[in-house]
Amino acid sequence: MHEKFDLLALYETSTLLNDSLEIGFILNNLLRTAMSKLLVTRSIALLLDATKQHYSIASAQGIRHIEKNIHLDRTLFTNTNLGISEAPDILKSWGIYDLIPLTARKQHLGYVGFGHKIDQKPLSPEESSFVQSLVHMSSVAVHNAFMVAELQTANHDLAHKIQQLNTLFDLATGFGANQEREPILKQLGFSLMGHLMIRHFTFWLKTSSQGRSASFQPVITKGIPIDLTPQETLVFQNLDTLVLLPEASGDWQAFETCGIRLILPLRMQNETRGVLCLGEKTAKEAYTQADLEFLTALGQLTITSLENASLLATRLENERFEEELRLANGIQRRLLPQKLPQIPRFTVDVWSQPARHVGGDFFDVRPLDNNRYLIAIADVTGKGMPAALLMSHLQAGIQFQLATNALTDLAQATALLNAVITDNTDSDKFITFFWGILDISSQSFVFVNAGHDAPIWLRSGREILRLETGGPLLGVLKNVPYEQGRIRIQAGDRLFFYTDGLSEALNQAGEELGVQKLLHALTYLESQNATESLNAVKQEVVTWTGTAPQSDDRTAILLQAETF
């Protein structure tokens, strides 16, 4: 009858173990079953770690005052074959005297140890046979659990690699669609921010070679002060492998001082054509091997696209392209307001100038009711039909919010809009977005900034503030919160909303206009309405750029508070 009972226990245990692939559950069930059948009060399960040099405590029952993260050297144990052996002294000090190896498919996994029986009698032959059978079944279950865990890890790594390849494919498609330098550089910046959460970076391109010396100039910079002399950048010409700071020293000290943590050369035909310098990741995490592989591929995509762009002097204008421009132009005309509303005690004016027939900028000024007015501005990545379609998607999302009266909570409405954009756009498409609601009855302006260039608030006393409260770009991460800001507007105050096509407008020397020159244009005249102020901004941009080609879309909105 006792033998039948043991067989029944083994069968029930086997069934239970086969239903689980969780190692902790398997070992806990093994120890508890053995303890109840053998009438012992202490047990332990040790697993051989990945280094094959130490054992770690995977489970312990009835043993107090031991740390589960302790490691036991493998040399303490001599018997890894089947059978019961004597425990080493350290286990005896814990009340464990008998050890049974966990072995499956000729692979040693660890040990299961037991203390003395309550009656202090040795194990009978039947009990020894029972517990060894129990441990053997558990060994197979543990081995299977390890195999499943390894398979899951491999699948996870494979899925991550596939995701990286898909992302790079999408980026390659996006880069290939652009044949001008500025859109390529802008997409590089969005890729670094959106995919790796890198907010501080600078990208240098080789501009000339004279003998053994090469000249490099920064063509895009975000958050890193460029304080490097031409002599210090000469190290770029011989750079053929990435540099991690602060591990590297010597020639790279000046780069570390600027906040640079990784320097990646971009090479073509055994020559360094560009250098990508990156600061810390937003979460202060170290760069992983996967990050480095992704950055290397992204860098090669960028430098190849830039090289191709430099070789293309003209773009063929065929019927298909003309049809795309015509359709996109019609879409954009219908999306943007044709006439600005008259706002009591305020003047408002808009300037929008696409770089091509169609642009990636969006704006809207419309009444919500007798007292409230919506003001929105956005910058969509890309140009042409893709940008126009993405802009239409954004406009449709805003229309839905208006139709469902969702703008009572602007932060929540922004989060919903971001979720919709993220779900329905490619991974290389992003939108910087700002919107706010002007309430003329309370003279208040409630707003949310989703990664857009912060609008400028020029107060009547010449105080200058920026409207930054909000959250990240639209289309980067789905489930992120947004914060709502609120200001009170007084007579004489002005709100200036703009896209980076104004502040980053280039002159013939390739220099950016900058925000300070925009502020100078806005504050030059003491008394002016919105139209006059905006005309001053236009003149500043036109004077600065001269005959240089327009590289990006330009949009600006100016709201002027009159007497109340």
Foldseek 3Di string as FASTA:
>chain_A
DVLVVLVVLLVVLLVVLVVDLDLLVLVVVLVVSLCVVQQFQWKWWWWQDPVNFWTFTSDIGNFPDDDRRDIHGPVQDDDQDADKDFHGPVVVVRQWTIWGFLDDPNDTTTIMTTHAHPVNDDDDPSSRVSSSSSSPSSSVSNVVSVVVVVVVVVVVVVVVVVVLVQQLVVLLVVLVVDLAQPLLVVLLQCCCCQPQQFQWKWKWFWDDDDVQFTFIDTQDTGPFDPPDDRVLCRVLFVDDAKDAPPVDDDSCPVVVVRQWGIKGFADDPPTGGMIMTTHAHPVNDDQDPVNVVSVNSSSNSSVVSVVSSVVDPDDDDDPVQVVQLVVLLVLQVVLADPDADDAPQKDKDKDWDFLDSWALKHWYWAALDNFKIKTKIKGKRDTTNVSSVLSVLLSVLVVVCSVVVVCVPVQVSVLVSLQSSQVPDDQSIWMWMKMWMQGRVQQKIKIAGACFFFKWKQALVRDIDTHHFWYHIRNRDRDDTIDMDMDHHAAFIKIKDKHCLLQQWQAPVRGGNHVVLLVCLQVVDNDDHNVSSVVSSVVSSCVRHPPPRRDHIIMMMMMHRHHD
